[in-house]
Amino acid sequence: MEFVGYVVKIGNCYFKQKVNYDYVICRLFKEAMKITTIDYAKKIAEETGGVVKHLYVSNKKLDEYKE
């Protein structure tokens, strides 16, 4: 398993981006912003009431998609 980054989950939604001090959220995991620093992820989670989720991928799955 390889660590990819973090996502912020807010209820049933995910943090997508911040535009002019407004937060954009999405329902689909694949549209969520992949955050690379824990400090930024914690800040967004604190400001939105969300939780930080660690993101991992399996090399086995990646190899399947390369075919």
PDB file of N, CA and C in Angstrom:
ATOM      1  N   MET A   1       0.850  -1.181   0.000  1.00  0.00           N
ATOM      2  CA  MET A   1       0.000   0.000   0.000  1.00  0.00           C
ATOM      3  C   MET A   1       0.895   1.243   0.000  1.00  0.00           C
ATOM      4  N   GLU A   2       0.458   2.213  -0.770  1.00  0.00           N
ATOM      5  CA  GLU A   2       1.209   3.456  -0.893  1.00  0.00           C
ATOM      6  C   GLU A   2       0.345   4.616  -0.406  1.00  0.00           C
ATOM      7  N   PHE A   3       0.930   5.487   0.436  1.00  0.00           N
ATOM      8  CA  PHE A   3       0.213   6.653   0.938  1.00  0.00           C
ATOM      9  C   PHE A   3       0.126   7.704  -0.165  1.00  0.00           C
ATOM     10  N   VAL A   4      -1.092   8.226  -0.408  1.00  0.00           N
ATOM     11  CA  VAL A   4      -1.310   9.205  -1.468  1.00  0.00           C
ATOM     12  C   VAL A   4      -1.513  10.603  -0.912  1.00  0.00           C
ATOM     13  N   GLY A   5      -2.247  10.728   0.179  1.00  0.00           N
ATOM     14  CA  GLY A   5      -2.539  12.036   0.748  1.00  0.00           C
ATOM     15  C   GLY A   5      -3.738  11.950   1.678  1.00  0.00           C
ATOM     16  N   TYR A   6      -4.429  13.058   1.796  1.00  0.00           N
ATOM     17  CA  TYR A   6      -5.570  13.154   2.705  1.00  0.00           C
ATOM     18  C   TYR A   6      -6.776  13.715   1.960  1.00  0.00           C
ATOM     19  N   VAL A   7      -7.956  13.377   2.428  1.00  0.00           N
ATOM     20  CA  VAL A   7      -9.190  14.036   2.001  1.00  0.00           C
ATOM     21  C   VAL A   7      -9.920  14.449   3.271  1.00  0.00           C
ATOM     22  N   VAL A   8     -10.757  15.477   3.149  1.00  0.00           N
ATOM     23  CA  VAL A   8     -11.557  15.924   4.285  1.00  0.00           C
ATOM     24  C   VAL A   8     -12.998  15.526   4.010  1.00  0.00           C
ATOM     25  N   LYS A   9     -13.547  14.701   4.901  1.00  0.00           N
ATOM     26  CA  LYS A   9     -14.924  14.252   4.761  1.00  0.00           C
ATOM     27  C   LYS A   9     -15.805  15.106   5.665  1.00  0.00           C
ATOM     28  N   ILE A  10     -16.876  15.638   5.073  1.00  0.00           N
ATOM     29  CA  ILE A  10     -17.816  16.503   5.790  1.00  0.00           C
ATOM     30  C   ILE A  10     -19.185  15.846   5.674  1.00  0.00           C
ATOM     31  N   GLY A  11     -19.584  15.125   6.701  1.00  0.00           N
ATOM     32  CA  GLY A  11     -20.840  14.376   6.628  1.00  0.00           C
ATOM     33  C   GLY A  11     -20.745  13.315   5.545  1.00  0.00           C
ATOM     34  N   ASN A  12     -21.660  13.354   4.572  1.00  0.00           N
ATOM     35  CA  ASN A  12     -21.641  12.415   3.450  1.00  0.00           C
ATOM     36  C   ASN A  12     -20.924  12.999   2.234  1.00  0.00           C
ATOM     37  N   CYS A  13     -20.289  14.159   2.398  1.00  0.00           N
ATOM     38  CA  CYS A  13     -19.638  14.855   1.286  1.00  0.00           C
ATOM     39  C   CYS A  13     -18.137  14.983   1.545  1.00  0.00           C
ATOM     40  N   TYR A  14     -17.435  15.511   0.556  1.00  0.00           N
ATOM     41  CA  TYR A  14     -15.991  15.704   0.638  1.00  0.00           C
ATOM     42  C   TYR A  14     -15.635  17.130   0.240  1.00  0.00           C
ATOM     43  N   PHE A  15     -14.537  17.640   0.823  1.00  0.00           N
ATOM     44  CA  PHE A  15     -14.027  18.959   0.454  1.00  0.00           C
ATOM     45  C   PHE A  15     -13.444  18.897  -0.950  1.00  0.00           C
ATOM     46  N   LYS A  16     -13.859  19.837  -1.808  1.00  0.00           N
ATOM     47  CA  LYS A  16     -13.378  19.866  -3.192  1.00  0.00           C
ATOM     48  C   LYS A  16     -12.385  21.004  -3.410  1.00  0.00           C
ATOM     49  N   GLN A  17     -12.748  22.219  -2.971  1.00  0.00           N
ATOM     50  CA  GLN A  17     -11.848  23.356  -3.129  1.00  0.00           C
ATOM     51  C   GLN A  17     -12.337  24.535  -2.307  1.00  0.00           C
ATOM     52  N   LYS A  18     -11.461  25.527  -2.181  1.00  0.00           N
ATOM     53  CA  LYS A  18     -11.799  26.762  -1.482  1.00  0.00           C
ATOM     54  C   LYS A  18     -11.670  27.896  -2.488  1.00  0.00           C
ATOM     55  N   VAL A  19     -12.765  28.651  -2.671  1.00  0.00           N
ATOM     56  CA  VAL A  19     -12.789  29.739  -3.637  1.00  0.00           C
ATOM     57  C   VAL A  19     -13.262  31.002  -2.929  1.00  0.00           C
ATOM     58  N   ASN A  20     -12.387  32.004  -2.858  1.00  0.00           N
ATOM     59  CA  ASN A  20     -12.740  33.288  -2.231  1.00  0.00           C
ATOM     60  C   ASN A  20     -13.369  33.107  -0.853  1.00  0.00           C
ATOM     61  N   TYR A  21     -12.722  32.336   0.000  1.00  0.00           N
ATOM     62  CA  TYR A  21     -13.165  32.072   1.374  1.00  0.00           C
ATOM     63  C   TYR A  21     -14.444  31.241   1.471  1.00  0.00           C
ATOM     64  N   ASP A  22     -14.925  30.713   0.362  1.00  0.00           N
ATOM     65  CA  ASP A  22     -16.075  29.810   0.367  1.00  0.00           C
ATOM     66  C   ASP A  22     -15.581  28.393   0.106  1.00  0.00           C
ATOM     67  N   TYR A  23     -16.233  27.427   0.717  1.00  0.00           N
ATOM     68  CA  TYR A  23     -15.854  26.033   0.548  1.00  0.00           C
ATOM     69  C   TYR A  23     -16.778  25.356  -0.453  1.00  0.00           C
ATOM     70  N   VAL A  24     -16.195  24.624  -1.375  1.00  0.00           N
ATOM     71  CA  VAL A  24     -16.964  23.854  -2.347  1.00  0.00           C
ATOM     72  C   VAL A  24     -16.839  22.396  -1.934  1.00  0.00           C
ATOM     73  N   ILE A  25     -17.989  21.725  -1.799  1.00  0.00           N
ATOM     74  CA  ILE A  25     -17.975  20.315  -1.434  1.00  0.00           C
ATOM     75  C   ILE A  25     -18.591  19.496  -2.562  1.00  0.00           C
ATOM     76  N   CYS A  26     -18.326  18.211  -2.548  1.00  0.00           N
ATOM     77  CA  CYS A  26     -18.867  17.323  -3.571  1.00  0.00           C
ATOM     78  C   CYS A  26     -19.314  16.026  -2.916  1.00  0.00           C
ATOM     79  N   ARG A  27     -20.171  15.305  -3.572  1.00  0.00           N
ATOM     80  CA  ARG A  27     -20.651  14.025  -3.046  1.00  0.00           C
ATOM     81  C   ARG A  27     -19.780  12.856  -3.478  1.00  0.00           C
ATOM     82  N   LEU A  28     -19.086  12.992  -4.596  1.00  0.00           N
ATOM     83  CA  LEU A  28     -18.295  11.892  -5.129  1.00  0.00           C
ATOM     84  C   LEU A  28     -16.856  11.934  -4.612  1.00  0.00           C
ATOM     85  N   PHE A  29     -16.389  10.805  -4.128  1.00  0.00           N
ATOM     86  CA  PHE A  29     -15.035  10.704  -3.598  1.00  0.00           C
ATOM     87  C   PHE A  29     -13.987  11.056  -4.649  1.00  0.00           C
ATOM     88  N   LYS A  30     -14.204  10.626  -5.894  1.00  0.00           N
ATOM     89  CA  LYS A  30     -13.197  10.859  -6.940  1.00  0.00           C
ATOM     90  C   LYS A  30     -13.043  12.336  -7.290  1.00  0.00           C
ATOM     91  N   GLU A  31     -14.015  13.186  -6.908  1.00  0.00           N
ATOM     92  CA  GLU A  31     -13.913  14.628  -7.159  1.00  0.00           C
ATOM     93  C   GLU A  31     -13.268  15.369  -5.991  1.00  0.00           C
ATOM     94  N   ALA A  32     -13.066  14.694  -4.889  1.00  0.00           N
ATOM     95  CA  ALA A  32     -12.505  15.333  -3.698  1.00  0.00           C
ATOM     96  C   ALA A  32     -11.061  15.752  -3.920  1.00  0.00           C
ATOM     97  N   MET A  33     -10.671  16.865  -3.282  1.00  0.00           N
ATOM     98  CA  MET A  33      -9.289  17.329  -3.378  1.00  0.00           C
ATOM     99  C   MET A  33      -8.385  16.401  -2.577  1.00  0.00           C
ATOM    100  N   LYS A  34      -7.317  15.934  -3.201  1.00  0.00           N
ATOM    101  CA  LYS A  34      -6.322  15.128  -2.505  1.00  0.00           C
ATOM    102  C   LYS A  34      -5.290  16.085  -1.928  1.00  0.00           C
ATOM    103  N   ILE A  35      -5.258  16.199  -0.612  1.00  0.00           N
ATOM    104  CA  ILE A  35      -4.377  17.143   0.088  1.00  0.00           C
ATOM    105  C   ILE A  35      -3.109  16.407   0.494  1.00  0.00           C
ATOM    106  N   THR A  36      -1.956  17.040   0.273  1.00  0.00           N
ATOM    107  CA  THR A  36      -0.688  16.354   0.545  1.00  0.00           C
ATOM    108  C   THR A  36      -0.091  16.694   1.908  1.00  0.00           C
ATOM    109  N   THR A  37      -0.531  17.751   2.552  1.00  0.00           N
ATOM    110  CA  THR A  37       0.020  18.109   3.867  1.00  0.00           C
ATOM    111  C   THR A  37      -1.036  17.962   4.950  1.00  0.00           C
ATOM    112  N   ILE A  38      -0.652  17.337   6.034  1.00  0.00           N
ATOM    113  CA  ILE A  38      -1.588  17.093   7.144  1.00  0.00           C
ATOM    114  C   ILE A  38      -2.045  18.398   7.785  1.00  0.00           C
ATOM    115  N   ASP A  39      -1.176  19.400   7.863  1.00  0.00           N
ATOM    116  CA  ASP A  39      -1.546  20.662   8.491  1.00  0.00           C
ATOM    117  C   ASP A  39      -2.696  21.348   7.750  1.00  0.00           C
ATOM    118  N   TYR A  40      -2.620  21.370   6.416  1.00  0.00           N
ATOM    119  CA  TYR A  40      -3.690  21.984   5.628  1.00  0.00           C
ATOM    120  C   TYR A  40      -4.975  21.178   5.756  1.00  0.00           C
ATOM    121  N   ALA A  41      -4.861  19.862   5.740  1.00  0.00           N
ATOM    122  CA  ALA A  41      -6.041  19.004   5.884  1.00  0.00           C
ATOM    123  C   ALA A  41      -6.710  19.235   7.245  1.00  0.00           C
ATOM    124  N   LYS A  42      -5.924  19.330   8.291  1.00  0.00           N
ATOM    125  CA  LYS A  42      -6.480  19.580   9.635  1.00  0.00           C
ATOM    126  C   LYS A  42      -7.147  20.941   9.708  1.00  0.00           C
ATOM    127  N   LYS A  43      -6.542  21.944   9.070  1.00  0.00           N
ATOM    128  CA  LYS A  43      -7.110  23.297   9.073  1.00  0.00           C
ATOM    129  C   LYS A  43      -8.477  23.304   8.390  1.00  0.00           C
ATOM    130  N   ILE A  44      -8.573  22.676   7.217  1.00  0.00           N
ATOM    131  CA  ILE A  44      -9.847  22.616   6.494  1.00  0.00           C
ATOM    132  C   ILE A  44     -10.885  21.850   7.313  1.00  0.00           C
ATOM    133  N   ALA A  45     -10.477  20.739   7.915  1.00  0.00           N
ATOM    134  CA  ALA A  45     -11.402  19.945   8.729  1.00  0.00           C
ATOM    135  C   ALA A  45     -11.912  20.745   9.920  1.00  0.00           C
ATOM    136  N   GLU A  46     -11.026  21.501  10.544  1.00  0.00           N
ATOM    137  CA  GLU A  46     -11.417  22.316  11.697  1.00  0.00           C
ATOM    138  C   GLU A  46     -12.396  23.414  11.277  1.00  0.00           C
ATOM    139  N   GLU A  47     -12.133  24.054  10.149  1.00  0.00           N
ATOM    140  CA  GLU A  47     -12.984  25.153   9.680  1.00  0.00           C
ATOM    141  C   GLU A  47     -14.346  24.670   9.179  1.00  0.00           C
ATOM    142  N   THR A  48     -14.423  23.443   8.689  1.00  0.00           N
ATOM    143  CA  THR A  48     -15.676  22.948   8.108  1.00  0.00           C
ATOM    144  C   THR A  48     -16.424  21.969   9.011  1.00  0.00           C
ATOM    145  N   GLY A  49     -15.790  21.539  10.103  1.00  0.00           N
ATOM    146  CA  GLY A  49     -16.416  20.548  10.962  1.00  0.00           C
ATOM    147  C   GLY A  49     -16.276  19.143  10.402  1.00  0.00           C
ATOM    148  N   GLY A  50     -15.339  18.962   9.497  1.00  0.00           N
ATOM    149  CA  GLY A  50     -15.122  17.659   8.876  1.00  0.00           C
ATOM    150  C   GLY A  50     -14.049  16.852   9.590  1.00  0.00           C
ATOM    151  N   VAL A  51     -13.727  15.703   9.041  1.00  0.00           N
ATOM    152  CA  VAL A  51     -12.677  14.846   9.586  1.00  0.00           C
ATOM    153  C   VAL A  51     -11.676  14.514   8.478  1.00  0.00           C
ATOM    154  N   VAL A  52     -10.420  14.341   8.871  1.00  0.00           N
ATOM    155  CA  VAL A  52      -9.365  14.016   7.930  1.00  0.00           C
ATOM    156  C   VAL A  52      -9.313  12.506   7.734  1.00  0.00           C
ATOM    157  N   LYS A  53      -9.313  12.082   6.485  1.00  0.00           N
ATOM    158  CA  LYS A  53      -9.194  10.659   6.146  1.00  0.00           C
ATOM    159  C   LYS A  53      -7.876  10.461   5.404  1.00  0.00           C
ATOM    160  N   HIS A  54      -7.129   9.445   5.800  1.00  0.00           N
ATOM    161  CA  HIS A  54      -5.871   9.109   5.133  1.00  0.00           C
ATOM    162  C   HIS A  54      -6.186   8.311   3.877  1.00  0.00           C
ATOM    163  N   LEU A  55      -5.452   8.562   2.819  1.00  0.00           N
ATOM    164  CA  LEU A  55      -5.707   7.949   1.523  1.00  0.00           C
ATOM    165  C   LEU A  55      -4.553   7.038   1.133  1.00  0.00           C
ATOM    166  N   TYR A  56      -4.866   5.791   0.840  1.00  0.00           N
ATOM    167  CA  TYR A  56      -3.865   4.818   0.411  1.00  0.00           C
ATOM    168  C   TYR A  56      -4.334   4.153  -0.871  1.00  0.00           C
ATOM    169  N   VAL A  57      -3.391   3.711  -1.677  1.00  0.00           N
ATOM    170  CA  VAL A  57      -3.721   2.903  -2.845  1.00  0.00           C
ATOM    171  C   VAL A  57      -2.886   1.635  -2.803  1.00  0.00           C
ATOM    172  N   SER A  58      -3.431   0.599  -3.359  1.00  0.00           N
ATOM    173  CA  SER A  58      -2.743  -0.682  -3.404  1.00  0.00           C
ATOM    174  C   SER A  58      -2.064  -0.835  -4.758  1.00  0.00           C
ATOM    175  N   ASN A  59      -0.825  -1.268  -4.756  1.00  0.00           N
ATOM    176  CA  ASN A  59      -0.107  -1.505  -6.004  1.00  0.00           C
ATOM    177  C   ASN A  59      -0.816  -2.555  -6.841  1.00  0.00           C
ATOM    178  N   LYS A  60      -1.437  -3.494  -6.200  1.00  0.00           N
ATOM    179  CA  LYS A  60      -2.148  -4.559  -6.897  1.00  0.00           C
ATOM    180  C   LYS A  60      -3.269  -3.963  -7.755  1.00  0.00           C
ATOM    181  N   LYS A  61      -4.037  -3.047  -7.206  1.00  0.00           N
ATOM    182  CA  LYS A  61      -5.120  -2.403  -7.936  1.00  0.00           C
ATOM    183  C   LYS A  61      -4.564  -1.560  -9.084  1.00  0.00           C
ATOM    184  N   LEU A  62      -3.476  -0.834  -8.835  1.00  0.00           N
ATOM    185  CA  LEU A  62      -2.907   0.012  -9.877  1.00  0.00           C
ATOM    186  C   LEU A  62      -2.464  -0.818 -11.064  1.00  0.00           C
ATOM    187  N   ASP A  63      -1.880  -1.976 -10.816  1.00  0.00           N
ATOM    188  CA  ASP A  63      -1.433  -2.851 -11.891  1.00  0.00           C
ATOM    189  C   ASP A  63      -2.608  -3.358 -12.727  1.00  0.00           C
ATOM    190  N   GLU A  64      -3.749  -3.612 -12.091  1.00  0.00           N
ATOM    191  CA  GLU A  64      -4.926  -4.090 -12.806  1.00  0.00           C
ATOM    192  C   GLU A  64      -5.423  -3.048 -13.799  1.00  0.00           C
ATOM    193  N   TYR A  65      -5.357  -1.778 -13.440  1.00  0.00           N
ATOM    194  CA  TYR A  65      -5.859  -0.717 -14.294  1.00  0.00           C
ATOM    195  C   TYR A  65      -4.902  -0.378 -15.424  1.00  0.00           C
ATOM    196  N   LYS A  66      -3.650  -0.784 -15.338  1.00  0.00           N
ATOM    197  CA  LYS A  66      -2.670  -0.482 -16.385  1.00  0.00           C
ATOM    198  C   LYS A  66      -2.893  -1.329 -17.634  1.00  0.00           C
ATOM    199  N   GLU A  67      -3.545  -2.453 -17.489  1.00  0.00           N
ATOM    200  CA  GLU A  67      -3.743  -3.368 -18.628  1.00  0.00           C
ATOM    201  C   GLU A  67      -4.658  -2.803 -19.677  1.00  0.00           C
TER     202      GLU A  67
END
